[in-house]
Amino acid sequence: MSVYFLGSDEKYRCDTEAEAKWLIEEAKKSSQYTVKKVREEIRTQKKGGEIIDEWKRVIITKEFCQEKEPDCDLMPIYTDERYTTNE
């Protein structure tokens, strides 16, 4: 049996449009993965019906291996003890 890490959806909070654009362009430059999809959303925090904070959420879908023909041995490492088991 083989296990392959195929990809991930990563969520980022950017305070400005310029930061969001920079983040997306940097992700696209990487040779470690392929950017399959980018989603951008304007998010707000309201208090008493009034907007008190606004930011841009950027969600980047990254593909590390192709599912039909996986060719990588990358696996995420979880160091938080909530994700580890003591066997």
PDB file of N, CA and C in Angstrom:
ATOM      1  N   MET A   1       0.846  -1.183   0.000  1.00  0.00           N
ATOM      2  CA  MET A   1       0.000   0.000   0.000  1.00  0.00           C
ATOM      3  C   MET A   1       0.885   1.238   0.000  1.00  0.00           C
ATOM      4  N   SER A   2       0.486   2.242  -0.750  1.00  0.00           N
ATOM      5  CA  SER A   2       1.224   3.499  -0.802  1.00  0.00           C
ATOM      6  C   SER A   2       0.301   4.652  -0.454  1.00  0.00           C
ATOM      7  N   VAL A   3       0.870   5.652   0.168  1.00  0.00           N
ATOM      8  CA  VAL A   3       0.129   6.856   0.531  1.00  0.00           C
ATOM      9  C   VAL A   3       0.855   8.044  -0.090  1.00  0.00           C
ATOM     10  N   TYR A   4       0.137   8.874  -0.807  1.00  0.00           N
ATOM     11  CA  TYR A   4       0.709  10.039  -1.463  1.00  0.00           C
ATOM     12  C   TYR A   4      -0.019  11.302  -1.027  1.00  0.00           C
ATOM     13  N   PHE A   5       0.733  12.337  -0.689  1.00  0.00           N
ATOM     14  CA  PHE A   5       0.171  13.650  -0.399  1.00  0.00           C
ATOM     15  C   PHE A   5      -0.050  14.337  -1.740  1.00  0.00           C
ATOM     16  N   LEU A   6      -1.305  14.558  -2.099  1.00  0.00           N
ATOM     17  CA  LEU A   6      -1.634  15.091  -3.421  1.00  0.00           C
ATOM     18  C   LEU A   6      -1.649  16.604  -3.469  1.00  0.00           C
ATOM     19  N   GLY A   7      -2.221  17.234  -2.450  1.00  0.00           N
ATOM     20  CA  GLY A   7      -2.310  18.682  -2.492  1.00  0.00           C
ATOM     21  C   GLY A   7      -2.975  19.248  -1.259  1.00  0.00           C
ATOM     22  N   SER A   8      -3.195  20.558  -1.299  1.00  0.00           N
ATOM     23  CA  SER A   8      -3.792  21.226  -0.141  1.00  0.00           C
ATOM     24  C   SER A   8      -4.497  22.514  -0.564  1.00  0.00           C
ATOM     25  N   ASP A   9      -5.427  22.941   0.274  1.00  0.00           N
ATOM     26  CA  ASP A   9      -6.046  24.262   0.172  1.00  0.00           C
ATOM     27  C   ASP A   9      -5.512  25.077   1.339  1.00  0.00           C
ATOM     28  N   GLU A  10      -4.854  26.186   1.033  1.00  0.00           N
ATOM     29  CA  GLU A  10      -4.292  27.034   2.079  1.00  0.00           C
ATOM     30  C   GLU A  10      -5.042  28.358   2.111  1.00  0.00           C
ATOM     31  N   LYS A  11      -5.414  28.790   3.318  1.00  0.00           N
ATOM     32  CA  LYS A  11      -6.142  30.041   3.493  1.00  0.00           C
ATOM     33  C   LYS A  11      -5.225  31.081   4.116  1.00  0.00           C
ATOM     34  N   TYR A  12      -5.263  32.289   3.555  1.00  0.00           N
ATOM     35  CA  TYR A  12      -4.450  33.394   4.046  1.00  0.00           C
ATOM     36  C   TYR A  12      -5.322  34.627   4.264  1.00  0.00           C
ATOM     37  N   ARG A  13      -4.954  35.434   5.233  1.00  0.00           N
ATOM     38  CA  ARG A  13      -5.590  36.725   5.448  1.00  0.00           C
ATOM     39  C   ARG A  13      -4.596  37.796   5.013  1.00  0.00           C
ATOM     40  N   CYS A  14      -5.037  38.669   4.107  1.00  0.00           N
ATOM     41  CA  CYS A  14      -4.218  39.774   3.624  1.00  0.00           C
ATOM     42  C   CYS A  14      -4.938  41.080   3.949  1.00  0.00           C
ATOM     43  N   ASP A  15      -4.199  42.039   4.472  1.00  0.00           N
ATOM     44  CA  ASP A  15      -4.817  43.312   4.830  1.00  0.00           C
ATOM     45  C   ASP A  15      -5.036  44.224   3.629  1.00  0.00           C
ATOM     46  N   THR A  16      -4.245  44.023   2.569  1.00  0.00           N
ATOM     47  CA  THR A  16      -4.377  44.895   1.394  1.00  0.00           C
ATOM     48  C   THR A  16      -4.456  44.085   0.111  1.00  0.00           C
ATOM     49  N   GLU A  17      -4.946  44.707  -0.932  1.00  0.00           N
ATOM     50  CA  GLU A  17      -5.001  44.099  -2.258  1.00  0.00           C
ATOM     51  C   GLU A  17      -3.593  43.804  -2.767  1.00  0.00           C
ATOM     52  N   ALA A  18      -2.652  44.700  -2.482  1.00  0.00           N
ATOM     53  CA  ALA A  18      -1.266  44.518  -2.916  1.00  0.00           C
ATOM     54  C   ALA A  18      -0.647  43.279  -2.277  1.00  0.00           C
ATOM     55  N   GLU A  19      -0.932  43.041  -0.994  1.00  0.00           N
ATOM     56  CA  GLU A  19      -0.418  41.848  -0.320  1.00  0.00           C
ATOM     57  C   GLU A  19      -1.004  40.587  -0.932  1.00  0.00           C
ATOM     58  N   ALA A  20      -2.283  40.604  -1.238  1.00  0.00           N
ATOM     59  CA  ALA A  20      -2.937  39.445  -1.847  1.00  0.00           C
ATOM     60  C   ALA A  20      -2.330  39.145  -3.216  1.00  0.00           C
ATOM     61  N   LYS A  21      -2.116  40.175  -4.003  1.00  0.00           N
ATOM     62  CA  LYS A  21      -1.534  40.000  -5.334  1.00  0.00           C
ATOM     63  C   LYS A  21      -0.113  39.440  -5.234  1.00  0.00           C
ATOM     64  N   TRP A  22       0.674  39.968  -4.302  1.00  0.00           N
ATOM     65  CA  TRP A  22       2.040  39.482  -4.097  1.00  0.00           C
ATOM     66  C   TRP A  22       2.030  38.013  -3.695  1.00  0.00           C
ATOM     67  N   LEU A  23       1.168  37.652  -2.753  1.00  0.00           N
ATOM     68  CA  LEU A  23       1.073  36.275  -2.272  1.00  0.00           C
ATOM     69  C   LEU A  23       0.766  35.307  -3.417  1.00  0.00           C
ATOM     70  N   ILE A  24      -0.190  35.659  -4.245  1.00  0.00           N
ATOM     71  CA  ILE A  24      -0.586  34.805  -5.368  1.00  0.00           C
ATOM     72  C   ILE A  24       0.557  34.658  -6.369  1.00  0.00           C
ATOM     73  N   GLU A  25       1.220  35.759  -6.692  1.00  0.00           N
ATOM     74  CA  GLU A  25       2.327  35.711  -7.658  1.00  0.00           C
ATOM     75  C   GLU A  25       3.485  34.872  -7.122  1.00  0.00           C
ATOM     76  N   GLU A  26       3.784  34.987  -5.837  1.00  0.00           N
ATOM     77  CA  GLU A  26       4.856  34.190  -5.238  1.00  0.00           C
ATOM     78  C   GLU A  26       4.511  32.699  -5.270  1.00  0.00           C
ATOM     79  N   ALA A  27       3.259  32.374  -4.984  1.00  0.00           N
ATOM     80  CA  ALA A  27       2.834  30.965  -5.008  1.00  0.00           C
ATOM     81  C   ALA A  27       2.988  30.386  -6.409  1.00  0.00           C
ATOM     82  N   LYS A  28       2.657  31.160  -7.417  1.00  0.00           N
ATOM     83  CA  LYS A  28       2.745  30.679  -8.799  1.00  0.00           C
ATOM     84  C   LYS A  28       4.177  30.454  -9.260  1.00  0.00           C
ATOM     85  N   LYS A  29       5.149  31.090  -8.609  1.00  0.00           N
ATOM     86  CA  LYS A  29       6.558  30.954  -8.980  1.00  0.00           C
ATOM     87  C   LYS A  29       7.180  29.650  -8.488  1.00  0.00           C
ATOM     88  N   SER A  30       6.570  29.001  -7.520  1.00  0.00           N
ATOM     89  CA  SER A  30       7.169  27.825  -6.891  1.00  0.00           C
ATOM     90  C   SER A  30       7.299  26.658  -7.866  1.00  0.00           C
ATOM     91  N   SER A  31       8.410  25.937  -7.730  1.00  0.00           N
ATOM     92  CA  SER A  31       8.612  24.726  -8.528  1.00  0.00           C
ATOM     93  C   SER A  31       8.258  23.473  -7.726  1.00  0.00           C
ATOM     94  N   GLN A  32       7.835  23.627  -6.462  1.00  0.00           N
ATOM     95  CA  GLN A  32       7.512  22.486  -5.606  1.00  0.00           C
ATOM     96  C   GLN A  32       6.086  21.997  -5.799  1.00  0.00           C
ATOM     97  N   TYR A  33       5.233  22.800  -6.402  1.00  0.00           N
ATOM     98  CA  TYR A  33       3.822  22.453  -6.583  1.00  0.00           C
ATOM     99  C   TYR A  33       3.267  23.252  -7.754  1.00  0.00           C
ATOM    100  N   THR A  34       2.047  22.895  -8.161  1.00  0.00           N
ATOM    101  CA  THR A  34       1.321  23.624  -9.195  1.00  0.00           C
ATOM    102  C   THR A  34       0.118  24.289  -8.535  1.00  0.00           C
ATOM    103  N   VAL A  35      -0.076  25.560  -8.809  1.00  0.00           N
ATOM    104  CA  VAL A  35      -1.269  26.248  -8.306  1.00  0.00           C
ATOM    105  C   VAL A  35      -2.422  25.867  -9.228  1.00  0.00           C
ATOM    106  N   LYS A  36      -3.406  25.162  -8.688  1.00  0.00           N
ATOM    107  CA  LYS A  36      -4.545  24.695  -9.482  1.00  0.00           C
ATOM    108  C   LYS A  36      -5.701  25.685  -9.475  1.00  0.00           C
ATOM    109  N   LYS A  37      -5.872  26.418  -8.356  1.00  0.00           N
ATOM    110  CA  LYS A  37      -6.989  27.352  -8.268  1.00  0.00           C
ATOM    111  C   LYS A  37      -6.668  28.414  -7.220  1.00  0.00           C
ATOM    112  N   VAL A  38      -7.147  29.640  -7.471  1.00  0.00           N
ATOM    113  CA  VAL A  38      -7.025  30.725  -6.503  1.00  0.00           C
ATOM    114  C   VAL A  38      -8.400  31.353  -6.328  1.00  0.00           C
ATOM    115  N   ARG A  39      -8.803  31.511  -5.070  1.00  0.00           N
ATOM    116  CA  ARG A  39     -10.061  32.184  -4.764  1.00  0.00           C
ATOM    117  C   ARG A  39      -9.763  33.361  -3.854  1.00  0.00           C
ATOM    118  N   GLU A  40     -10.433  34.475  -4.112  1.00  0.00           N
ATOM    119  CA  GLU A  40     -10.275  35.661  -3.275  1.00  0.00           C
ATOM    120  C   GLU A  40     -11.652  36.089  -2.783  1.00  0.00           C
ATOM    121  N   GLU A  41     -11.717  36.440  -1.502  1.00  0.00           N
ATOM    122  CA  GLU A  41     -12.976  36.874  -0.899  1.00  0.00           C
ATOM    123  C   GLU A  41     -12.718  38.102  -0.036  1.00  0.00           C
ATOM    124  N   ILE A  42     -13.640  39.043  -0.062  1.00  0.00           N
ATOM    125  CA  ILE A  42     -13.591  40.165   0.867  1.00  0.00           C
ATOM    126  C   ILE A  42     -14.341  39.736   2.121  1.00  0.00           C
ATOM    127  N   ARG A  43     -13.691  39.834   3.261  1.00  0.00           N
ATOM    128  CA  ARG A  43     -14.298  39.445   4.530  1.00  0.00           C
ATOM    129  C   ARG A  43     -14.426  40.685   5.413  1.00  0.00           C
ATOM    130  N   THR A  44     -15.450  40.698   6.237  1.00  0.00           N
ATOM    131  CA  THR A  44     -15.654  41.832   7.135  1.00  0.00           C
ATOM    132  C   THR A  44     -16.024  41.339   8.526  1.00  0.00           C
ATOM    133  N   GLN A  45     -15.728  42.176   9.499  1.00  0.00           N
ATOM    134  CA  GLN A  45     -16.168  41.933  10.866  1.00  0.00           C
ATOM    135  C   GLN A  45     -17.078  43.100  11.230  1.00  0.00           C
ATOM    136  N   LYS A  46     -18.264  42.767  11.722  1.00  0.00           N
ATOM    137  CA  LYS A  46     -19.238  43.801  12.067  1.00  0.00           C
ATOM    138  C   LYS A  46     -19.501  43.809  13.565  1.00  0.00           C
ATOM    139  N   LYS A  47     -19.812  44.982  14.047  1.00  0.00           N
ATOM    140  CA  LYS A  47     -20.210  45.135  15.442  1.00  0.00           C
ATOM    141  C   LYS A  47     -21.322  46.172  15.472  1.00  0.00           C
ATOM    142  N   GLY A  48     -22.482  45.750  15.937  1.00  0.00           N
ATOM    143  CA  GLY A  48     -23.621  46.655  15.974  1.00  0.00           C
ATOM    144  C   GLY A  48     -24.064  47.092  14.580  1.00  0.00           C
ATOM    145  N   GLY A  49     -23.909  46.205  13.608  1.00  0.00           N
ATOM    146  CA  GLY A  49     -24.304  46.528  12.241  1.00  0.00           C
ATOM    147  C   GLY A  49     -23.298  47.377  11.482  1.00  0.00           C
ATOM    148  N   GLU A  50     -22.212  47.758  12.131  1.00  0.00           N
ATOM    149  CA  GLU A  50     -21.192  48.602  11.508  1.00  0.00           C
ATOM    150  C   GLU A  50     -19.944  47.767  11.232  1.00  0.00           C
ATOM    151  N   ILE A  51     -19.337  47.961  10.064  1.00  0.00           N
ATOM    152  CA  ILE A  51     -18.108  47.253   9.718  1.00  0.00           C
ATOM    153  C   ILE A  51     -16.956  47.866  10.505  1.00  0.00           C
ATOM    154  N   ILE A  52     -16.294  47.004  11.311  1.00  0.00           N
ATOM    155  CA  ILE A  52     -15.165  47.502  12.098  1.00  0.00           C
ATOM    156  C   ILE A  52     -13.822  46.997  11.578  1.00  0.00           C
ATOM    157  N   ASP A  53     -13.849  46.000  10.700  1.00  0.00           N
ATOM    158  CA  ASP A  53     -12.613  45.479  10.117  1.00  0.00           C
ATOM    159  C   ASP A  53     -12.937  44.851   8.768  1.00  0.00           C
ATOM    160  N   GLU A  54     -11.985  44.956   7.840  1.00  0.00           N
ATOM    161  CA  GLU A  54     -12.168  44.380   6.509  1.00  0.00           C
ATOM    162  C   GLU A  54     -10.823  43.850   6.038  1.00  0.00           C
ATOM    163  N   TRP A  55     -10.828  42.674   5.382  1.00  0.00           N
ATOM    164  CA  TRP A  55      -9.610  42.083   4.866  1.00  0.00           C
ATOM    165  C   TRP A  55      -9.945  41.215   3.664  1.00  0.00           C
ATOM    166  N   LYS A  56      -8.910  40.734   3.017  1.00  0.00           N
ATOM    167  CA  LYS A  56      -9.082  39.847   1.869  1.00  0.00           C
ATOM    168  C   LYS A  56      -8.598  38.455   2.264  1.00  0.00           C
ATOM    169  N   ARG A  57      -9.452  37.456   2.048  1.00  0.00           N
ATOM    170  CA  ARG A  57      -9.064  36.054   2.259  1.00  0.00           C
ATOM    171  C   ARG A  57      -8.652  35.498   0.901  1.00  0.00           C
ATOM    172  N   VAL A  58      -7.486  34.883   0.867  1.00  0.00           N
ATOM    173  CA  VAL A  58      -6.978  34.246  -0.346  1.00  0.00           C
ATOM    174  C   VAL A  58      -6.875  32.756  -0.058  1.00  0.00           C
ATOM    175  N   ILE A  59      -7.478  31.950  -0.916  1.00  0.00           N
ATOM    176  CA  ILE A  59      -7.422  30.496  -0.782  1.00  0.00           C
ATOM    177  C   ILE A  59      -6.695  29.955  -2.021  1.00  0.00           C
ATOM    178  N   ILE A  60      -5.573  29.303  -1.773  1.00  0.00           N
ATOM    179  CA  ILE A  60      -4.751  28.779  -2.869  1.00  0.00           C
ATOM    180  C   ILE A  60      -4.794  27.248  -2.826  1.00  0.00           C
ATOM    181  N   THR A  61      -5.219  26.640  -3.924  1.00  0.00           N
ATOM    182  CA  THR A  61      -5.222  25.187  -4.043  1.00  0.00           C
ATOM    183  C   THR A  61      -3.926  24.778  -4.734  1.00  0.00           C
ATOM    184  N   LYS A  62      -3.132  23.977  -4.003  1.00  0.00           N
ATOM    185  CA  LYS A  62      -1.833  23.541  -4.519  1.00  0.00           C
ATOM    186  C   LYS A  62      -1.858  22.043  -4.792  1.00  0.00           C
ATOM    187  N   GLU A  63      -1.271  21.636  -5.920  1.00  0.00           N
ATOM    188  CA  GLU A  63      -1.148  20.221  -6.266  1.00  0.00           C
ATOM    189  C   GLU A  63       0.332  19.845  -6.233  1.00  0.00           C
ATOM    190  N   PHE A  64       0.658  18.849  -5.405  1.00  0.00           N
ATOM    191  CA  PHE A  64       2.032  18.381  -5.281  1.00  0.00           C
ATOM    192  C   PHE A  64       2.294  17.158  -6.148  1.00  0.00           C
ATOM    193  N   CYS A  65       1.280  16.300  -6.298  1.00  0.00           N
ATOM    194  CA  CYS A  65       1.375  15.087  -7.117  1.00  0.00           C
ATOM    195  C   CYS A  65       0.080  14.927  -7.898  1.00  0.00           C
ATOM    196  N   GLN A  66       0.176  14.341  -9.071  1.00  0.00           N
ATOM    197  CA  GLN A  66      -1.021  14.025  -9.823  1.00  0.00           C
ATOM    198  C   GLN A  66      -1.610  12.733  -9.271  1.00  0.00           C
ATOM    199  N   GLU A  67      -2.904  12.733  -9.065  1.00  0.00           N
ATOM    200  CA  GLU A  67      -3.556  11.583  -8.436  1.00  0.00           C
ATOM    201  C   GLU A  67      -3.438  10.313  -9.277  1.00  0.00           C
ATOM    202  N   LYS A  68      -3.582  10.435 -10.585  1.00  0.00           N
ATOM    203  CA  LYS A  68      -3.550   9.245 -11.435  1.00  0.00           C
ATOM    204  C   LYS A  68      -2.156   8.657 -11.563  1.00  0.00           C
ATOM    205  N   GLU A  69      -1.135   9.507 -11.513  1.00  0.00           N
ATOM    206  CA  GLU A  69       0.242   9.035 -11.627  1.00  0.00           C
ATOM    207  C   GLU A  69       1.122   9.744 -10.597  1.00  0.00           C
ATOM    208  N   PRO A  70       0.972   9.399  -9.319  1.00  0.00           N
ATOM    209  CA  PRO A  70       1.768  10.085  -8.290  1.00  0.00           C
ATOM    210  C   PRO A  70       3.257   9.773  -8.449  1.00  0.00           C
ATOM    211  N   ASP A  71       4.063  10.808  -8.355  1.00  0.00           N
ATOM    212  CA  ASP A  71       5.497  10.632  -8.561  1.00  0.00           C
ATOM    213  C   ASP A  71       6.323  11.363  -7.503  1.00  0.00           C
ATOM    214  N   CYS A  72       5.745  11.588  -6.331  1.00  0.00           N
ATOM    215  CA  CYS A  72       6.501  12.289  -5.293  1.00  0.00           C
ATOM    216  C   CYS A  72       6.376  11.554  -3.968  1.00  0.00           C
ATOM    217  N   ASP A  73       7.306  11.847  -3.091  1.00  0.00           N
ATOM    218  CA  ASP A  73       7.292  11.206  -1.779  1.00  0.00           C
ATOM    219  C   ASP A  73       7.116  12.228  -0.663  1.00  0.00           C
ATOM    220  N   LEU A  74       6.512  13.340  -0.978  1.00  0.00           N
ATOM    221  CA  LEU A  74       6.277  14.409  -0.007  1.00  0.00           C
ATOM    222  C   LEU A  74       5.149  14.024   0.935  1.00  0.00           C
ATOM    223  N   MET A  75       5.376  14.201   2.223  1.00  0.00           N
ATOM    224  CA  MET A  75       4.339  13.987   3.229  1.00  0.00           C
ATOM    225  C   MET A  75       4.418  15.137   4.226  1.00  0.00           C
ATOM    226  N   PRO A  76       3.278  15.682   4.624  1.00  0.00           N
ATOM    227  CA  PRO A  76       3.311  16.742   5.628  1.00  0.00           C
ATOM    228  C   PRO A  76       3.752  16.184   6.980  1.00  0.00           C
ATOM    229  N   ILE A  77       4.416  17.014   7.752  1.00  0.00           N
ATOM    230  CA  ILE A  77       4.862  16.618   9.081  1.00  0.00           C
ATOM    231  C   ILE A  77       4.057  17.413  10.098  1.00  0.00           C
ATOM    232  N   TYR A  78       3.339  16.713  10.940  1.00  0.00           N
ATOM    233  CA  TYR A  78       2.537  17.355  11.965  1.00  0.00           C
ATOM    234  C   TYR A  78       3.281  17.269  13.287  1.00  0.00           C
ATOM    235  N   THR A  79       3.639  18.410  13.830  1.00  0.00           N
ATOM    236  CA  THR A  79       4.384  18.422  15.084  1.00  0.00           C
ATOM    237  C   THR A  79       3.491  18.740  16.274  1.00  0.00           C
ATOM    238  N   ASP A  80       2.305  19.224  16.026  1.00  0.00           N
ATOM    239  CA  ASP A  80       1.368  19.499  17.107  1.00  0.00           C
ATOM    240  C   ASP A  80       0.900  18.177  17.680  1.00  0.00           C
ATOM    241  N   GLU A  81       0.975  18.002  18.984  1.00  0.00           N
ATOM    242  CA  GLU A  81       0.645  16.711  19.586  1.00  0.00           C
ATOM    243  C   GLU A  81      -0.802  16.294  19.375  1.00  0.00           C
ATOM    244  N   ARG A  82      -1.667  17.232  18.982  1.00  0.00           N
ATOM    245  CA  ARG A  82      -3.048  16.863  18.671  1.00  0.00           C
ATOM    246  C   ARG A  82      -3.104  15.977  17.422  1.00  0.00           C
ATOM    247  N   TYR A  83      -2.067  16.010  16.585  1.00  0.00           N
ATOM    248  CA  TYR A  83      -2.056  15.262  15.337  1.00  0.00           C
ATOM    249  C   TYR A  83      -1.154  14.039  15.369  1.00  0.00           C
ATOM    250  N   THR A  84      -0.573  13.738  16.490  1.00  0.00           N
ATOM    251  CA  THR A  84       0.315  12.584  16.575  1.00  0.00           C
ATOM    252  C   THR A  84      -0.322  11.517  17.471  1.00  0.00           C
ATOM    253  N   THR A  85       0.113  10.300  17.279  1.00  0.00           N
ATOM    254  CA  THR A  85      -0.391   9.203  18.114  1.00  0.00           C
ATOM    255  C   THR A  85       0.767   8.574  18.845  1.00  0.00           C
ATOM    256  N   ASN A  86       0.491   8.041  19.981  1.00  0.00           N
ATOM    257  CA  ASN A  86       1.491   7.308  20.771  1.00  0.00           C
ATOM    258  C   ASN A  86       1.155   5.835  20.703  1.00  0.00           C
ATOM    259  N   GLU A  87       1.759   5.153  19.775  1.00  0.00           N
ATOM    260  CA  GLU A  87       1.493   3.719  19.612  1.00  0.00           C
ATOM    261  C   GLU A  87       2.635   2.901  20.128  1.00  0.00           C
TER     262      GLU A  87
END
